[in-house]
Amino acid sequence: MICIDLPYNTGNDFIYPDNYTESPDTYLRYTGQLDSEGRRYSTNTETDGRFHSKWLSMMYPRLFLARNLLREDGVIFISVDDNEIHNLRILMNEIFGEENFIDT
């Protein structure tokens, strides 16, 4: 059994201490998200066309890993707010299979 209380999609950056070898600034520079003076080109605002995409991109590898950790007869419980539940269902269907959904 896995129980997850997902982070709300508040529009803030999704930086978690996952012990990556690169700092967030190094990553932002490497991916071209900072200008020459170190200012960000964009943020995760609701007007950004990628508002939900950024949240889902953060969640996908975590849920994919959770799927690999579950036994075949395992269950996963997820707490999420109304802002992302529909997007989360699409993601969960892709990873776990729509036929494995039980209830909301």
PDB file of N, CA and C in Angstrom:
ATOM      1  N   MET A   1       0.842  -1.168   0.000  1.00  0.00           N
ATOM      2  CA  MET A   1       0.000   0.000   0.000  1.00  0.00           C
ATOM      3  C   MET A   1       0.891   1.235   0.000  1.00  0.00           C
ATOM      4  N   ILE A   2       0.525   2.199  -0.819  1.00  0.00           N
ATOM      5  CA  ILE A   2       1.211   3.481  -0.863  1.00  0.00           C
ATOM      6  C   ILE A   2       0.168   4.565  -0.649  1.00  0.00           C
ATOM      7  N   CYS A   3       0.470   5.526   0.200  1.00  0.00           N
ATOM      8  CA  CYS A   3      -0.405   6.660   0.443  1.00  0.00           C
ATOM      9  C   CYS A   3       0.391   7.932   0.175  1.00  0.00           C
ATOM     10  N   ILE A   4      -0.124   8.793  -0.725  1.00  0.00           N
ATOM     11  CA  ILE A   4       0.591   9.991  -1.127  1.00  0.00           C
ATOM     12  C   ILE A   4      -0.298  11.212  -0.905  1.00  0.00           C
ATOM     13  N   ASP A   5       0.260  12.232  -0.279  1.00  0.00           N
ATOM     14  CA  ASP A   5      -0.399  13.528  -0.152  1.00  0.00           C
ATOM     15  C   ASP A   5       0.367  14.466  -1.071  1.00  0.00           C
ATOM     16  N   LEU A   6      -0.140  14.655  -2.291  1.00  0.00           N
ATOM     17  CA  LEU A   6       0.569  15.392  -3.326  1.00  0.00           C
ATOM     18  C   LEU A   6       0.704  16.872  -2.981  1.00  0.00           C
ATOM     19  N   PRO A   7       1.749  17.511  -3.475  1.00  0.00           N
ATOM     20  CA  PRO A   7       1.868  18.964  -3.288  1.00  0.00           C
ATOM     21  C   PRO A   7       0.824  19.671  -4.153  1.00  0.00           C
ATOM     22  N   TYR A   8       0.243  20.725  -3.597  1.00  0.00           N
ATOM     23  CA  TYR A   8      -0.712  21.518  -4.366  1.00  0.00           C
ATOM     24  C   TYR A   8       0.016  22.253  -5.472  1.00  0.00           C
ATOM     25  N   ASN A   9      -0.650  22.440  -6.590  1.00  0.00           N
ATOM     26  CA  ASN A   9      -0.087  23.201  -7.698  1.00  0.00           C
ATOM     27  C   ASN A   9      -0.376  24.673  -7.423  1.00  0.00           C
ATOM     28  N   THR A  10       0.503  25.311  -6.655  1.00  0.00           N
ATOM     29  CA  THR A  10       0.306  26.701  -6.250  1.00  0.00           C
ATOM     30  C   THR A  10       0.902  27.676  -7.240  1.00  0.00           C
ATOM     31  N   GLY A  11       1.610  27.162  -8.238  1.00  0.00           N
ATOM     32  CA  GLY A  11       2.293  28.037  -9.178  1.00  0.00           C
ATOM     33  C   GLY A  11       3.729  28.281  -8.786  1.00  0.00           C
ATOM     34  N   ASN A  12       4.125  27.857  -7.590  1.00  0.00           N
ATOM     35  CA  ASN A  12       5.523  27.988  -7.172  1.00  0.00           C
ATOM     36  C   ASN A  12       6.346  26.908  -7.852  1.00  0.00           C
ATOM     37  N   ASP A  13       7.646  27.072  -7.838  1.00  0.00           N
ATOM     38  CA  ASP A  13       8.526  26.063  -8.414  1.00  0.00           C
ATOM     39  C   ASP A  13       8.466  24.795  -7.579  1.00  0.00           C
ATOM     40  N   PHE A  14       8.653  23.668  -8.239  1.00  0.00           N
ATOM     41  CA  PHE A  14       8.633  22.376  -7.575  1.00  0.00           C
ATOM     42  C   PHE A  14      10.054  21.904  -7.344  1.00  0.00           C
ATOM     43  N   ILE A  15      10.671  22.429  -6.323  1.00  0.00           N
ATOM     44  CA  ILE A  15      12.039  22.037  -6.002  1.00  0.00           C
ATOM     45  C   ILE A  15      12.009  21.315  -4.664  1.00  0.00           C
ATOM     46  N   TYR A  16      12.320  20.052  -4.704  1.00  0.00           N
ATOM     47  CA  TYR A  16      12.326  19.219  -3.509  1.00  0.00           C
ATOM     48  C   TYR A  16      13.751  18.748  -3.251  1.00  0.00           C
ATOM     49  N   PRO A  17      14.109  18.569  -2.001  1.00  0.00           N
ATOM     50  CA  PRO A  17      15.463  18.101  -1.682  1.00  0.00           C
ATOM     51  C   PRO A  17      15.627  16.617  -1.993  1.00  0.00           C
ATOM     52  N   ASP A  18      15.680  16.284  -3.269  1.00  0.00           N
ATOM     53  CA  ASP A  18      15.820  14.897  -3.699  1.00  0.00           C
ATOM     54  C   ASP A  18      17.276  14.470  -3.804  1.00  0.00           C
ATOM     55  N   ASN A  19      18.177  15.306  -3.323  1.00  0.00           N
ATOM     56  CA  ASN A  19      19.595  15.002  -3.304  1.00  0.00           C
ATOM     57  C   ASN A  19      20.177  14.849  -4.707  1.00  0.00           C
ATOM     58  N   TYR A  20      19.733  15.698  -5.632  1.00  0.00           N
ATOM     59  CA  TYR A  20      20.319  15.691  -6.961  1.00  0.00           C
ATOM     60  C   TYR A  20      21.692  16.359  -6.884  1.00  0.00           C
ATOM     61  N   THR A  21      22.551  16.008  -7.792  1.00  0.00           N
ATOM     62  CA  THR A  21      23.901  16.546  -7.742  1.00  0.00           C
ATOM     63  C   THR A  21      23.972  17.981  -8.249  1.00  0.00           C
ATOM     64  N   GLU A  22      22.988  18.420  -9.031  1.00  0.00           N
ATOM     65  CA  GLU A  22      22.974  19.790  -9.519  1.00  0.00           C
ATOM     66  C   GLU A  22      22.090  20.655  -8.638  1.00  0.00           C
ATOM     67  N   SER A  23      22.515  21.881  -8.426  1.00  0.00           N
ATOM     68  CA  SER A  23      21.684  22.820  -7.684  1.00  0.00           C
ATOM     69  C   SER A  23      20.564  23.309  -8.597  1.00  0.00           C
ATOM     70  N   PRO A  24      19.482  23.863  -8.024  1.00  0.00           N
ATOM     71  CA  PRO A  24      18.417  24.400  -8.878  1.00  0.00           C
ATOM     72  C   PRO A  24      18.936  25.469  -9.845  1.00  0.00           C
ATOM     73  N   ASP A  25      19.856  26.329  -9.408  1.00  0.00           N
ATOM     74  CA  ASP A  25      20.398  27.361 -10.298  1.00  0.00           C
ATOM     75  C   ASP A  25      21.181  26.738 -11.455  1.00  0.00           C
ATOM     76  N   THR A  26      21.957  25.703 -11.167  1.00  0.00           N
ATOM     77  CA  THR A  26      22.706  25.026 -12.221  1.00  0.00           C
ATOM     78  C   THR A  26      21.741  24.429 -13.238  1.00  0.00           C
ATOM     79  N   TYR A  27      20.693  23.783 -12.745  1.00  0.00           N
ATOM     80  CA  TYR A  27      19.699  23.190 -13.631  1.00  0.00           C
ATOM     81  C   TYR A  27      19.025  24.257 -14.493  1.00  0.00           C
ATOM     82  N   LEU A  28      18.632  25.376 -13.872  1.00  0.00           N
ATOM     83  CA  LEU A  28      17.965  26.444 -14.619  1.00  0.00           C
ATOM     84  C   LEU A  28      18.875  27.023 -15.693  1.00  0.00           C
ATOM     85  N   ARG A  29      20.158  27.179 -15.372  1.00  0.00           N
ATOM     86  CA  ARG A  29      21.104  27.682 -16.376  1.00  0.00           C
ATOM     87  C   ARG A  29      21.286  26.671 -17.512  1.00  0.00           C
ATOM     88  N   TYR A  30      21.452  25.410 -17.150  1.00  0.00           N
ATOM     89  CA  TYR A  30      21.673  24.347 -18.126  1.00  0.00           C
ATOM     90  C   TYR A  30      20.495  24.213 -19.093  1.00  0.00           C
ATOM     91  N   THR A  31      19.283  24.380 -18.572  1.00  0.00           N
ATOM     92  CA  THR A  31      18.089  24.227 -19.406  1.00  0.00           C
ATOM     93  C   THR A  31      17.660  25.535 -20.064  1.00  0.00           C
ATOM     94  N   GLY A  32      18.464  26.582 -19.910  1.00  0.00           N
ATOM     95  CA  GLY A  32      18.181  27.846 -20.580  1.00  0.00           C
ATOM     96  C   GLY A  32      17.032  28.631 -19.998  1.00  0.00           C
ATOM     97  N   GLN A  33      16.768  28.465 -18.705  1.00  0.00           N
ATOM     98  CA  GLN A  33      15.658  29.160 -18.074  1.00  0.00           C
ATOM     99  C   GLN A  33      16.082  30.444 -17.370  1.00  0.00           C
ATOM    100  N   LEU A  34      17.368  30.784 -17.422  1.00  0.00           N
ATOM    101  CA  LEU A  34      17.870  32.017 -16.827  1.00  0.00           C
ATOM    102  C   LEU A  34      18.521  32.868 -17.907  1.00  0.00           C
ATOM    103  N   ASP A  35      18.373  34.194 -17.757  1.00  0.00           N
ATOM    104  CA  ASP A  35      19.066  35.077 -18.694  1.00  0.00           C
ATOM    105  C   ASP A  35      20.510  35.251 -18.235  1.00  0.00           C
ATOM    106  N   SER A  36      21.270  36.096 -18.927  1.00  0.00           N
ATOM    107  CA  SER A  36      22.691  36.256 -18.620  1.00  0.00           C
ATOM    108  C   SER A  36      22.946  36.866 -17.240  1.00  0.00           C
ATOM    109  N   GLU A  37      21.937  37.528 -16.683  1.00  0.00           N
ATOM    110  CA  GLU A  37      22.079  38.125 -15.351  1.00  0.00           C
ATOM    111  C   GLU A  37      21.496  37.248 -14.252  1.00  0.00           C
ATOM    112  N   GLY A  38      21.072  36.032 -14.596  1.00  0.00           N
ATOM    113  CA  GLY A  38      20.566  35.099 -13.596  1.00  0.00           C
ATOM    114  C   GLY A  38      19.087  35.241 -13.287  1.00  0.00           C
ATOM    115  N   ARG A  39      18.345  36.020 -14.082  1.00  0.00           N
ATOM    116  CA  ARG A  39      16.902  36.171 -13.880  1.00  0.00           C
ATOM    117  C   ARG A  39      16.167  35.110 -14.684  1.00  0.00           C
ATOM    118  N   ARG A  40      15.089  34.603 -14.110  1.00  0.00           N
ATOM    119  CA  ARG A  40      14.295  33.585 -14.794  1.00  0.00           C
ATOM    120  C   ARG A  40      13.512  34.184 -15.944  1.00  0.00           C
ATOM    121  N   TYR A  41      13.405  33.388 -17.000  1.00  0.00           N
ATOM    122  CA  TYR A  41      12.589  33.802 -18.134  1.00  0.00           C
ATOM    123  C   TYR A  41      11.099  33.656 -17.836  1.00  0.00           C
ATOM    124  N   SER A  42      10.744  32.677 -17.015  1.00  0.00           N
ATOM    125  CA  SER A  42       9.327  32.444 -16.743  1.00  0.00           C
ATOM    126  C   SER A  42       9.144  31.840 -15.360  1.00  0.00           C
ATOM    127  N   THR A  43       7.906  31.845 -14.903  1.00  0.00           N
ATOM    128  CA  THR A  43       7.519  31.187 -13.664  1.00  0.00           C
ATOM    129  C   THR A  43       6.292  30.342 -13.952  1.00  0.00           C
ATOM    130  N   ASN A  44       5.885  29.540 -13.000  1.00  0.00           N
ATOM    131  CA  ASN A  44       4.739  28.654 -13.187  1.00  0.00           C
ATOM    132  C   ASN A  44       3.459  29.366 -12.740  1.00  0.00           C
ATOM    133  N   THR A  45       2.978  30.281 -13.566  1.00  0.00           N
ATOM    134  CA  THR A  45       1.743  30.998 -13.255  1.00  0.00           C
ATOM    135  C   THR A  45       0.583  30.357 -13.995  1.00  0.00           C
ATOM    136  N   GLU A  46      -0.633  30.601 -13.533  1.00  0.00           N
ATOM    137  CA  GLU A  46      -1.804  30.011 -14.180  1.00  0.00           C
ATOM    138  C   GLU A  46      -1.973  30.507 -15.610  1.00  0.00           C
ATOM    139  N   THR A  47      -1.442  31.677 -15.927  1.00  0.00           N
ATOM    140  CA  THR A  47      -1.533  32.184 -17.287  1.00  0.00           C
ATOM    141  C   THR A  47      -0.504  31.525 -18.193  1.00  0.00           C
ATOM    142  N   ASP A  48       0.461  30.842 -17.596  1.00  0.00           N
ATOM    143  CA  ASP A  48       1.461  30.100 -18.364  1.00  0.00           C
ATOM    144  C   ASP A  48       0.772  28.883 -18.964  1.00  0.00           C
ATOM    145  N   GLY A  49       0.950  28.668 -20.247  1.00  0.00           N
ATOM    146  CA  GLY A  49       0.331  27.525 -20.911  1.00  0.00           C
ATOM    147  C   GLY A  49       0.796  26.193 -20.380  1.00  0.00           C
ATOM    148  N   ARG A  50       1.889  26.197 -19.619  1.00  0.00           N
ATOM    149  CA  ARG A  50       2.422  24.946 -19.084  1.00  0.00           C
ATOM    150  C   ARG A  50       2.154  24.797 -17.596  1.00  0.00           C
ATOM    151  N   PHE A  51       1.221  25.562 -17.037  1.00  0.00           N
ATOM    152  CA  PHE A  51       0.940  25.537 -15.597  1.00  0.00           C
ATOM    153  C   PHE A  51       0.701  24.116 -15.096  1.00  0.00           C
ATOM    154  N   HIS A  52      -0.213  23.396 -15.726  1.00  0.00           N
ATOM    155  CA  HIS A  52      -0.505  22.022 -15.303  1.00  0.00           C
ATOM    156  C   HIS A  52       0.571  21.058 -15.767  1.00  0.00           C
ATOM    157  N   SER A  53       1.146  21.325 -16.923  1.00  0.00           N
ATOM    158  CA  SER A  53       2.181  20.460 -17.470  1.00  0.00           C
ATOM    159  C   SER A  53       3.392  20.381 -16.549  1.00  0.00           C
ATOM    160  N   LYS A  54       3.781  21.511 -15.985  1.00  0.00           N
ATOM    161  CA  LYS A  54       4.942  21.521 -15.088  1.00  0.00           C
ATOM    162  C   LYS A  54       4.668  20.674 -13.852  1.00  0.00           C
ATOM    163  N   TRP A  55       3.468  20.777 -13.310  1.00  0.00           N
ATOM    164  CA  TRP A  55       3.100  19.984 -12.133  1.00  0.00           C
ATOM    165  C   TRP A  55       3.087  18.503 -12.484  1.00  0.00           C
ATOM    166  N   LEU A  56       2.489  18.161 -13.618  1.00  0.00           N
ATOM    167  CA  LEU A  56       2.423  16.767 -14.033  1.00  0.00           C
ATOM    168  C   LEU A  56       3.800  16.214 -14.356  1.00  0.00           C
ATOM    169  N   SER A  57       4.661  17.039 -14.927  1.00  0.00           N
ATOM    170  CA  SER A  57       6.024  16.597 -15.217  1.00  0.00           C
ATOM    171  C   SER A  57       6.801  16.299 -13.945  1.00  0.00           C
ATOM    172  N   MET A  58       6.485  17.008 -12.882  1.00  0.00           N
ATOM    173  CA  MET A  58       7.125  16.720 -11.600  1.00  0.00           C
ATOM    174  C   MET A  58       6.554  15.425 -11.009  1.00  0.00           C
ATOM    175  N   MET A  59       5.249  15.200 -11.187  1.00  0.00           N
ATOM    176  CA  MET A  59       4.589  14.049 -10.568  1.00  0.00           C
ATOM    177  C   MET A  59       4.840  12.733 -11.307  1.00  0.00           C
ATOM    178  N   TYR A  60       4.977  12.780 -12.625  1.00  0.00           N
ATOM    179  CA  TYR A  60       5.081  11.542 -13.409  1.00  0.00           C
ATOM    180  C   TYR A  60       6.174  10.590 -12.915  1.00  0.00           C
ATOM    181  N   PRO A  61       7.424  11.036 -12.776  1.00  0.00           N
ATOM    182  CA  PRO A  61       8.449  10.068 -12.358  1.00  0.00           C
ATOM    183  C   PRO A  61       8.218   9.517 -10.954  1.00  0.00           C
ATOM    184  N   ARG A  62       7.620  10.321 -10.090  1.00  0.00           N
ATOM    185  CA  ARG A  62       7.353   9.849  -8.727  1.00  0.00           C
ATOM    186  C   ARG A  62       6.273   8.765  -8.720  1.00  0.00           C
ATOM    187  N   LEU A  63       5.222   8.974  -9.518  1.00  0.00           N
ATOM    188  CA  LEU A  63       4.155   7.984  -9.593  1.00  0.00           C
ATOM    189  C   LEU A  63       4.596   6.745 -10.360  1.00  0.00           C
ATOM    190  N   PHE A  64       5.427   6.921 -11.363  1.00  0.00           N
ATOM    191  CA  PHE A  64       5.969   5.783 -12.100  1.00  0.00           C
ATOM    192  C   PHE A  64       6.800   4.896 -11.169  1.00  0.00           C
ATOM    193  N   LEU A  65       7.604   5.532 -10.328  1.00  0.00           N
ATOM    194  CA  LEU A  65       8.381   4.787  -9.341  1.00  0.00           C
ATOM    195  C   LEU A  65       7.462   4.080  -8.347  1.00  0.00           C
ATOM    196  N   ALA A  66       6.415   4.777  -7.906  1.00  0.00           N
ATOM    197  CA  ALA A  66       5.458   4.161  -6.979  1.00  0.00           C
ATOM    198  C   ALA A  66       4.853   2.910  -7.609  1.00  0.00           C
ATOM    199  N   ARG A  67       4.529   2.972  -8.888  1.00  0.00           N
ATOM    200  CA  ARG A  67       3.957   1.808  -9.585  1.00  0.00           C
ATOM    201  C   ARG A  67       4.937   0.637  -9.574  1.00  0.00           C
ATOM    202  N   ASN A  68       6.200   0.926  -9.771  1.00  0.00           N
ATOM    203  CA  ASN A  68       7.204  -0.133  -9.768  1.00  0.00           C
ATOM    204  C   ASN A  68       7.432  -0.714  -8.378  1.00  0.00           C
ATOM    205  N   LEU A  69       7.113   0.047  -7.344  1.00  0.00           N
ATOM    206  CA  LEU A  69       7.288  -0.439  -5.976  1.00  0.00           C
ATOM    207  C   LEU A  69       6.094  -1.247  -5.471  1.00  0.00           C
ATOM    208  N   LEU A  70       4.942  -1.083  -6.112  1.00  0.00           N
ATOM    209  CA  LEU A  70       3.738  -1.796  -5.676  1.00  0.00           C
ATOM    210  C   LEU A  70       3.750  -3.256  -6.126  1.00  0.00           C
ATOM    211  N   ARG A  71       3.190  -4.109  -5.284  1.00  0.00           N
ATOM    212  CA  ARG A  71       2.944  -5.479  -5.708  1.00  0.00           C
ATOM    213  C   ARG A  71       1.776  -5.476  -6.687  1.00  0.00           C
ATOM    214  N   GLU A  72       1.585  -6.568  -7.389  1.00  0.00           N
ATOM    215  CA  GLU A  72       0.472  -6.670  -8.343  1.00  0.00           C
ATOM    216  C   GLU A  72      -0.881  -6.453  -7.670  1.00  0.00           C
ATOM    217  N   ASP A  73      -1.014  -6.860  -6.410  1.00  0.00           N
ATOM    218  CA  ASP A  73      -2.284  -6.680  -5.695  1.00  0.00           C
ATOM    219  C   ASP A  73      -2.233  -5.469  -4.745  1.00  0.00           C
ATOM    220  N   GLY A  74      -1.263  -4.593  -4.961  1.00  0.00           N
ATOM    221  CA  GLY A  74      -1.126  -3.404  -4.120  1.00  0.00           C
ATOM    222  C   GLY A  74      -2.142  -2.329  -4.468  1.00  0.00           C
ATOM    223  N   VAL A  75      -2.264  -1.351  -3.576  1.00  0.00           N
ATOM    224  CA  VAL A  75      -3.166  -0.220  -3.786  1.00  0.00           C
ATOM    225  C   VAL A  75      -2.418   1.078  -3.515  1.00  0.00           C
ATOM    226  N   ILE A  76      -2.885   2.144  -4.154  1.00  0.00           N
ATOM    227  CA  ILE A  76      -2.308   3.463  -3.922  1.00  0.00           C
ATOM    228  C   ILE A  76      -3.449   4.421  -3.610  1.00  0.00           C
ATOM    229  N   PHE A  77      -3.278   5.200  -2.560  1.00  0.00           N
ATOM    230  CA  PHE A  77      -4.236   6.223  -2.165  1.00  0.00           C
ATOM    231  C   PHE A  77      -3.560   7.577  -2.344  1.00  0.00           C
ATOM    232  N   ILE A  78      -4.269   8.508  -2.981  1.00  0.00           N
ATOM    233  CA  ILE A  78      -3.678   9.814  -3.263  1.00  0.00           C
ATOM    234  C   ILE A  78      -4.628  10.915  -2.831  1.00  0.00           C
ATOM    235  N   SER A  79      -4.095  11.885  -2.091  1.00  0.00           N
ATOM    236  CA  SER A  79      -4.849  13.095  -1.733  1.00  0.00           C
ATOM    237  C   SER A  79      -4.418  14.203  -2.688  1.00  0.00           C
ATOM    238  N   VAL A  80      -5.396  14.861  -3.300  1.00  0.00           N
ATOM    239  CA  VAL A  80      -5.109  15.945  -4.234  1.00  0.00           C
ATOM    240  C   VAL A  80      -6.293  16.906  -4.212  1.00  0.00           C
ATOM    241  N   ASP A  81      -6.046  18.167  -4.512  1.00  0.00           N
ATOM    242  CA  ASP A  81      -7.144  19.136  -4.513  1.00  0.00           C
ATOM    243  C   ASP A  81      -7.864  19.125  -5.870  1.00  0.00           C
ATOM    244  N   ASP A  82      -8.941  19.886  -5.946  1.00  0.00           N
ATOM    245  CA  ASP A  82      -9.776  19.897  -7.150  1.00  0.00           C
ATOM    246  C   ASP A  82      -9.084  20.497  -8.368  1.00  0.00           C
ATOM    247  N   ASN A  83      -8.032  21.292  -8.170  1.00  0.00           N
ATOM    248  CA  ASN A  83      -7.367  21.942  -9.296  1.00  0.00           C
ATOM    249  C   ASN A  83      -6.657  20.971 -10.225  1.00  0.00           C
ATOM    250  N   GLU A  84      -6.212  19.843  -9.714  1.00  0.00           N
ATOM    251  CA  GLU A  84      -5.429  18.909 -10.526  1.00  0.00           C
ATOM    252  C   GLU A  84      -6.025  17.512 -10.618  1.00  0.00           C
ATOM    253  N   ILE A  85      -7.187  17.275 -10.022  1.00  0.00           N
ATOM    254  CA  ILE A  85      -7.704  15.903  -9.985  1.00  0.00           C
ATOM    255  C   ILE A  85      -7.935  15.334 -11.386  1.00  0.00           C
ATOM    256  N   HIS A  86      -8.431  16.141 -12.304  1.00  0.00           N
ATOM    257  CA  HIS A  86      -8.695  15.617 -13.651  1.00  0.00           C
ATOM    258  C   HIS A  86      -7.395  15.300 -14.373  1.00  0.00           C
ATOM    259  N   ASN A  87      -6.406  16.169 -14.231  1.00  0.00           N
ATOM    260  CA  ASN A  87      -5.101  15.898 -14.845  1.00  0.00           C
ATOM    261  C   ASN A  87      -4.428  14.696 -14.192  1.00  0.00           C
ATOM    262  N   LEU A  88      -4.584  14.581 -12.874  1.00  0.00           N
ATOM    263  CA  LEU A  88      -3.998  13.438 -12.171  1.00  0.00           C
ATOM    264  C   LEU A  88      -4.629  12.128 -12.634  1.00  0.00           C
ATOM    265  N   ARG A  89      -5.942  12.121 -12.846  1.00  0.00           N
ATOM    266  CA  ARG A  89      -6.608  10.898 -13.315  1.00  0.00           C
ATOM    267  C   ARG A  89      -6.045  10.443 -14.656  1.00  0.00           C
ATOM    268  N   ILE A  90      -5.788  11.379 -15.559  1.00  0.00           N
ATOM    269  CA  ILE A  90      -5.205  11.035 -16.854  1.00  0.00           C
ATOM    270  C   ILE A  90      -3.819  10.423 -16.657  1.00  0.00           C
ATOM    271  N   LEU A  91      -3.037  11.038 -15.800  1.00  0.00           N
ATOM    272  CA  LEU A  91      -1.694  10.536 -15.509  1.00  0.00           C
ATOM    273  C   LEU A  91      -1.752   9.153 -14.861  1.00  0.00           C
ATOM    274  N   MET A  92      -2.636   8.986 -13.893  1.00  0.00           N
ATOM    275  CA  MET A  92      -2.765   7.697 -13.212  1.00  0.00           C
ATOM    276  C   MET A  92      -3.239   6.610 -14.176  1.00  0.00           C
ATOM    277  N   ASN A  93      -4.163   6.956 -15.080  1.00  0.00           N
ATOM    278  CA  ASN A  93      -4.623   5.978 -16.072  1.00  0.00           C
ATOM    279  C   ASN A  93      -3.471   5.522 -16.950  1.00  0.00           C
ATOM    280  N   GLU A  94      -2.600   6.455 -17.309  1.00  0.00           N
ATOM    281  CA  GLU A  94      -1.457   6.101 -18.150  1.00  0.00           C
ATOM    282  C   GLU A  94      -0.492   5.174 -17.416  1.00  0.00           C
ATOM    283  N   ILE A  95      -0.230   5.466 -16.154  1.00  0.00           N
ATOM    284  CA  ILE A  95       0.765   4.695 -15.397  1.00  0.00           C
ATOM    285  C   ILE A  95       0.192   3.390 -14.860  1.00  0.00           C
ATOM    286  N   PHE A  96      -1.000   3.454 -14.284  1.00  0.00           N
ATOM    287  CA  PHE A  96      -1.566   2.292 -13.593  1.00  0.00           C
ATOM    288  C   PHE A  96      -2.613   1.544 -14.418  1.00  0.00           C
ATOM    289  N   GLY A  97      -3.119   2.168 -15.477  1.00  0.00           N
ATOM    290  CA  GLY A  97      -4.169   1.561 -16.288  1.00  0.00           C
ATOM    291  C   GLY A  97      -5.541   1.943 -15.780  1.00  0.00           C
ATOM    292  N   GLU A  98      -6.383   2.419 -16.688  1.00  0.00           N
ATOM    293  CA  GLU A  98      -7.730   2.879 -16.322  1.00  0.00           C
ATOM    294  C   GLU A  98      -8.541   1.765 -15.657  1.00  0.00           C
ATOM    295  N   GLU A  99      -8.301   0.535 -16.061  1.00  0.00           N
ATOM    296  CA  GLU A  99      -9.047  -0.597 -15.509  1.00  0.00           C
ATOM    297  C   GLU A  99      -8.749  -0.844 -14.027  1.00  0.00           C
ATOM    298  N   ASN A 100      -7.681  -0.230 -13.514  1.00  0.00           N
ATOM    299  CA  ASN A 100      -7.331  -0.425 -12.106  1.00  0.00           C
ATOM    300  C   ASN A 100      -7.893   0.659 -11.179  1.00  0.00           C
ATOM    301  N   PHE A 101      -8.571   1.655 -11.731  1.00  0.00           N
ATOM    302  CA  PHE A 101      -9.181   2.709 -10.917  1.00  0.00           C
ATOM    303  C   PHE A 101     -10.369   2.148 -10.169  1.00  0.00           C
ATOM    304  N   ILE A 102     -10.482   2.494  -8.875  1.00  0.00           N
ATOM    305  CA  ILE A 102     -11.589   1.995  -8.073  1.00  0.00           C
ATOM    306  C   ILE A 102     -12.591   3.096  -7.739  1.00  0.00           C
ATOM    307  N   ASP A 103     -12.132   4.206  -7.133  1.00  0.00           N
ATOM    308  CA  ASP A 103     -13.069   5.223  -6.687  1.00  0.00           C
ATOM    309  C   ASP A 103     -12.355   6.543  -6.350  1.00  0.00           C
ATOM    310  N   THR A 104     -13.131   7.620  -6.357  1.00  0.00           N
ATOM    311  CA  THR A 104     -12.645   8.924  -5.936  1.00  0.00           C
ATOM    312  C   THR A 104     -13.274   9.273  -4.608  1.00  0.00           C
TER     313      THR A 104
END
